């Protein structure tokens, strides 16, 4: 998936999603949950708290 695809699924503009990836902006809890559902991963994994 491209950044544009993911941004569309999250309901944000592609430059905003790009800033999430770069750590310039922080996403909301709702957006974090949406990313986890999209990639079928836990928030702990996404945040680097677990290896799985």
PDB file of N, CA and C in Angstrom:
ATOM      1  N   UNK A   1       0.834  -1.177   0.000  1.00  0.00           N
ATOM      2  CA  UNK A   1       0.000   0.000   0.000  1.00  0.00           C
ATOM      3  C   UNK A   1       0.883   1.248   0.000  1.00  0.00           C
ATOM      4  N   UNK A   2       0.445   2.226  -0.708  1.00  0.00           N
ATOM      5  CA  UNK A   2       1.175   3.489  -0.731  1.00  0.00           C
ATOM      6  C   UNK A   2       0.739   4.353   0.453  1.00  0.00           C
ATOM      7  N   UNK A   3       1.509   5.388   0.722  1.00  0.00           N
ATOM      8  CA  UNK A   3       1.119   6.326   1.764  1.00  0.00           C
ATOM      9  C   UNK A   3      -0.237   6.939   1.440  1.00  0.00           C
ATOM     10  N   UNK A   4      -0.479   7.201   0.188  1.00  0.00           N
ATOM     11  CA  UNK A   4      -1.760   7.782  -0.233  1.00  0.00           C
ATOM     12  C   UNK A   4      -2.909   6.829   0.086  1.00  0.00           C
ATOM     13  N   UNK A   5      -2.709   5.524  -0.155  1.00  0.00           N
ATOM     14  CA  UNK A   5      -3.729   4.524   0.144  1.00  0.00           C
ATOM     15  C   UNK A   5      -4.039   4.489   1.641  1.00  0.00           C
ATOM     16  N   UNK A   6      -2.988   4.439   2.446  1.00  0.00           N
ATOM     17  CA  UNK A   6      -3.166   4.377   3.900  1.00  0.00           C
ATOM     18  C   UNK A   6      -3.823   5.656   4.402  1.00  0.00           C
ATOM     19  N   UNK A   7      -3.362   6.792   3.911  1.00  0.00           N
ATOM     20  CA  UNK A   7      -3.946   8.072   4.320  1.00  0.00           C
ATOM     21  C   UNK A   7      -5.437   8.116   4.024  1.00  0.00           C
ATOM     22  N   UNK A   8      -5.820   7.626   2.849  1.00  0.00           N
ATOM     23  CA  UNK A   8      -7.239   7.611   2.475  1.00  0.00           C
ATOM     24  C   UNK A   8      -8.038   6.735   3.428  1.00  0.00           C
ATOM     25  N   UNK A   9      -7.486   5.592   3.803  1.00  0.00           N
ATOM     26  CA  UNK A   9      -8.187   4.701   4.728  1.00  0.00           C
ATOM     27  C   UNK A   9      -8.311   5.314   6.120  1.00  0.00           C
ATOM     28  N   UNK A  10      -7.346   6.170   6.488  1.00  0.00           N
ATOM     29  CA  UNK A  10      -7.388   6.832   7.797  1.00  0.00           C
ATOM     30  C   UNK A  10      -8.189   8.130   7.764  1.00  0.00           C
ATOM     31  N   UNK A  11      -8.497   8.596   6.570  1.00  0.00           N
ATOM     32  CA  UNK A  11      -9.251   9.831   6.430  1.00  0.00           C
ATOM     33  C   UNK A  11      -8.409  11.076   6.639  1.00  0.00           C
ATOM     34  N   UNK A  12      -7.114  10.987   6.300  1.00  0.00           N
ATOM     35  CA  UNK A  12      -6.223  12.148   6.387  1.00  0.00           C
ATOM     36  C   UNK A  12      -5.547  12.349   5.045  1.00  0.00           C
ATOM     37  N   UNK A  13      -4.964  13.510   4.842  1.00  0.00           N
ATOM     38  CA  UNK A  13      -4.224  13.781   3.621  1.00  0.00           C
ATOM     39  C   UNK A  13      -2.890  13.037   3.644  1.00  0.00           C
ATOM     40  N   UNK A  14      -2.378  12.718   2.469  1.00  0.00           N
ATOM     41  CA  UNK A  14      -1.118  11.980   2.374  1.00  0.00           C
ATOM     42  C   UNK A  14       0.029  12.702   3.081  1.00  0.00           C
ATOM     43  N   UNK A  15       0.176  14.031   2.967  1.00  0.00           N
ATOM     44  CA  UNK A  15       1.271  14.698   3.689  1.00  0.00           C
ATOM     45  C   UNK A  15       1.154  14.560   5.212  1.00  0.00           C
ATOM     46  N   UNK A  16      -0.068  14.488   5.714  1.00  0.00           N
ATOM     47  CA  UNK A  16      -0.269  14.296   7.156  1.00  0.00           C
ATOM     48  C   UNK A  16       0.209  12.907   7.553  1.00  0.00           C
ATOM     49  N   UNK A  17      -0.180  11.886   6.786  1.00  0.00           N
ATOM     50  CA  UNK A  17       0.261  10.529   7.090  1.00  0.00           C
ATOM     51  C   UNK A  17       1.781  10.429   6.999  1.00  0.00           C
ATOM     52  N   UNK A  18       2.371  11.086   6.024  1.00  0.00           N
ATOM     53  CA  UNK A  18       3.826  11.085   5.878  1.00  0.00           C
ATOM     54  C   UNK A  18       4.478  11.657   7.136  1.00  0.00           C
ATOM     55  N   UNK A  19       3.886  12.673   7.712  1.00  0.00           N
ATOM     56  CA  UNK A  19       4.424  13.262   8.946  1.00  0.00           C
ATOM     57  C   UNK A  19       4.269  12.312  10.125  1.00  0.00           C
ATOM     58  N   UNK A  20       3.216  11.486  10.129  1.00  0.00           N
ATOM     59  CA  UNK A  20       3.092  10.443  11.153  1.00  0.00           C
ATOM     60  C   UNK A  20       4.290   9.512  11.062  1.00  0.00           C
ATOM     61  N   UNK A  21       4.583   9.053   9.843  1.00  0.00           N
ATOM     62  CA  UNK A  21       5.683   8.104   9.646  1.00  0.00           C
ATOM     63  C   UNK A  21       7.028   8.694  10.057  1.00  0.00           C
ATOM     64  N   UNK A  22       7.211   9.970   9.798  1.00  0.00           N
ATOM     65  CA  UNK A  22       8.481  10.618  10.121  1.00  0.00           C
ATOM     66  C   UNK A  22       8.580  11.039  11.587  1.00  0.00           C
ATOM     67  N   UNK A  23       7.463  10.945  12.321  1.00  0.00           N
ATOM     68  CA  UNK A  23       7.467  11.324  13.726  1.00  0.00           C
ATOM     69  C   UNK A  23       7.323  12.817  13.954  1.00  0.00           C
ATOM     70  N   UNK A  24       6.928  13.541  12.923  1.00  0.00           N
ATOM     71  CA  UNK A  24       6.731  14.988  13.051  1.00  0.00           C
ATOM     72  C   UNK A  24       5.401  15.281  13.730  1.00  0.00           C
ATOM     73  N   UNK A  25       4.366  14.545  13.347  1.00  0.00           N
ATOM     74  CA  UNK A  25       3.041  14.646  13.963  1.00  0.00           C
ATOM     75  C   UNK A  25       2.766  13.357  14.708  1.00  0.00           C
ATOM     76  N   UNK A  26       1.982  13.454  15.761  1.00  0.00           N
ATOM     77  CA  UNK A  26       1.500  12.254  16.440  1.00  0.00           C
ATOM     78  C   UNK A  26       0.057  12.021  16.019  1.00  0.00           C
ATOM     79  N   UNK A  27      -0.265  10.770  15.787  1.00  0.00           N
ATOM     80  CA  UNK A  27      -1.640  10.457  15.411  1.00  0.00           C
ATOM     81  C   UNK A  27      -2.497  10.360  16.672  1.00  0.00           C
ATOM     82  N   UNK A  28      -3.783  10.461  16.465  1.00  0.00           N
ATOM     83  CA  UNK A  28      -4.721  10.328  17.580  1.00  0.00           C
ATOM     84  C   UNK A  28      -4.861   8.855  17.954  1.00  0.00           C
ATOM     85  N   UNK A  29      -5.473   8.601  19.089  1.00  0.00           N
ATOM     86  CA  UNK A  29      -5.714   7.219  19.498  1.00  0.00           C
ATOM     87  C   UNK A  29      -6.593   6.503  18.491  1.00  0.00           C
ATOM     88  N   UNK A  30      -7.551   7.222  17.947  1.00  0.00           N
ATOM     89  CA  UNK A  30      -8.437   6.625  16.958  1.00  0.00           C
ATOM     90  C   UNK A  30      -7.663   6.254  15.698  1.00  0.00           C
ATOM     91  N   UNK A  31      -6.753   7.124  15.279  1.00  0.00           N
ATOM     92  CA  UNK A  31      -5.941   6.833  14.101  1.00  0.00           C
ATOM     93  C   UNK A  31      -4.977   5.675  14.373  1.00  0.00           C
ATOM     94  N   UNK A  32      -4.419   5.628  15.573  1.00  0.00           N
ATOM     95  CA  UNK A  32      -3.542   4.518  15.950  1.00  0.00           C
ATOM     96  C   UNK A  32      -4.305   3.200  15.877  1.00  0.00           C
ATOM     97  N   UNK A  33      -5.516   3.189  16.415  1.00  0.00           N
ATOM     98  CA  UNK A  33      -6.341   1.982  16.378  1.00  0.00           C
ATOM     99  C   UNK A  33      -6.653   1.598  14.930  1.00  0.00           C
ATOM    100  N   UNK A  34      -6.929   2.578  14.081  1.00  0.00           N
ATOM    101  CA  UNK A  34      -7.230   2.304  12.675  1.00  0.00           C
ATOM    102  C   UNK A  34      -6.013   1.711  11.960  1.00  0.00           C
ATOM    103  N   UNK A  35      -4.823   2.222  12.250  1.00  0.00           N
ATOM    104  CA  UNK A  35      -3.597   1.680  11.653  1.00  0.00           C
ATOM    105  C   UNK A  35      -3.397   0.238  12.098  1.00  0.00           C
ATOM    106  N   UNK A  36      -3.631  -0.031  13.380  1.00  0.00           N
ATOM    107  CA  UNK A  36      -3.490  -1.397  13.893  1.00  0.00           C
ATOM    108  C   UNK A  36      -4.455  -2.349  13.213  1.00  0.00           C
ATOM    109  N   UNK A  37      -5.700  -1.919  13.033  1.00  0.00           N
ATOM    110  CA  UNK A  37      -6.681  -2.761  12.342  1.00  0.00           C
ATOM    111  C   UNK A  37      -6.286  -2.965  10.884  1.00  0.00           C
ATOM    112  N   UNK A  38      -5.806  -1.919  10.248  1.00  0.00           N
ATOM    113  CA  UNK A  38      -5.432  -1.985   8.845  1.00  0.00           C
ATOM    114  C   UNK A  38      -4.329  -3.011   8.608  1.00  0.00           C
ATOM    115  N   UNK A  39      -3.330  -3.017   9.482  1.00  0.00           N
ATOM    116  CA  UNK A  39      -2.191  -3.930   9.318  1.00  0.00           C
ATOM    117  C   UNK A  39      -2.309  -5.197  10.161  1.00  0.00           C
ATOM    118  N   UNK A  40      -3.421  -5.324  10.896  1.00  0.00           N
ATOM    119  CA  UNK A  40      -3.659  -6.485  11.752  1.00  0.00           C
ATOM    120  C   UNK A  40      -2.491  -6.720  12.722  1.00  0.00           C
ATOM    121  N   UNK A  41      -2.135  -5.651  13.446  1.00  0.00           N
ATOM    122  CA  UNK A  41      -1.068  -5.705  14.442  1.00  0.00           C
ATOM    123  C   UNK A  41      -1.557  -5.036  15.719  1.00  0.00           C
ATOM    124  N   UNK A  42      -0.864  -5.286  16.814  1.00  0.00           N
ATOM    125  CA  UNK A  42      -1.242  -4.657  18.078  1.00  0.00           C
ATOM    126  C   UNK A  42      -0.582  -3.285  18.197  1.00  0.00           C
ATOM    127  N   UNK A  43      -1.164  -2.432  18.996  1.00  0.00           N
ATOM    128  CA  UNK A  43      -0.566  -1.125  19.258  1.00  0.00           C
ATOM    129  C   UNK A  43       0.777  -1.297  19.960  1.00  0.00           C
ATOM    130  N   UNK A  44       0.889  -2.294  20.828  1.00  0.00           N
ATOM    131  CA  UNK A  44       2.170  -2.544  21.498  1.00  0.00           C
ATOM    132  C   UNK A  44       3.270  -2.828  20.486  1.00  0.00           C
ATOM    133  N   UNK A  45       2.969  -3.620  19.485  1.00  0.00           N
ATOM    134  CA  UNK A  45       3.957  -3.920  18.453  1.00  0.00           C
ATOM    135  C   UNK A  45       4.310  -2.655  17.668  1.00  0.00           C
ATOM    136  N   UNK A  46       3.301  -1.915  17.275  1.00  0.00           N
ATOM    137  CA  UNK A  46       3.518  -0.706  16.492  1.00  0.00           C
ATOM    138  C   UNK A  46       4.362   0.310  17.265  1.00  0.00           C
ATOM    139  N   UNK A  47       4.177   0.365  18.560  1.00  0.00           N
ATOM    140  CA  UNK A  47       4.914   1.301  19.401  1.00  0.00           C
ATOM    141  C   UNK A  47       6.267   0.755  19.865  1.00  0.00           C
ATOM    142  N   UNK A  48       6.582  -0.468  19.457  1.00  0.00           N
ATOM    143  CA  UNK A  48       7.870  -1.047  19.786  1.00  0.00           C
ATOM    144  C   UNK A  48       7.967  -1.631  21.182  1.00  0.00           C
ATOM    145  N   UNK A  49       6.817  -1.930  21.788  1.00  0.00           N
ATOM    146  CA  UNK A  49       6.801  -2.463  23.149  1.00  0.00           C
ATOM    147  C   UNK A  49       6.888  -3.978  23.180  1.00  0.00           C
ATOM    148  N   UNK A  50       6.544  -4.619  22.062  1.00  0.00           N
ATOM    149  CA  UNK A  50       6.665  -6.083  21.958  1.00  0.00           C
ATOM    150  C   UNK A  50       7.267  -6.435  20.606  1.00  0.00           C
ATOM    151  N   UNK A  51       7.754  -7.663  20.506  1.00  0.00           N
ATOM    152  CA  UNK A  51       8.340  -8.136  19.258  1.00  0.00           C
ATOM    153  C   UNK A  51       7.337  -8.861  18.376  1.00  0.00           C
ATOM    154  N   UNK A  52       6.087  -8.959  18.775  1.00  0.00           N
ATOM    155  CA  UNK A  52       5.082  -9.687  18.012  1.00  0.00           C
ATOM    156  C   UNK A  52       3.782  -8.948  17.981  1.00  0.00           C
TER     157      UNK A  52
END
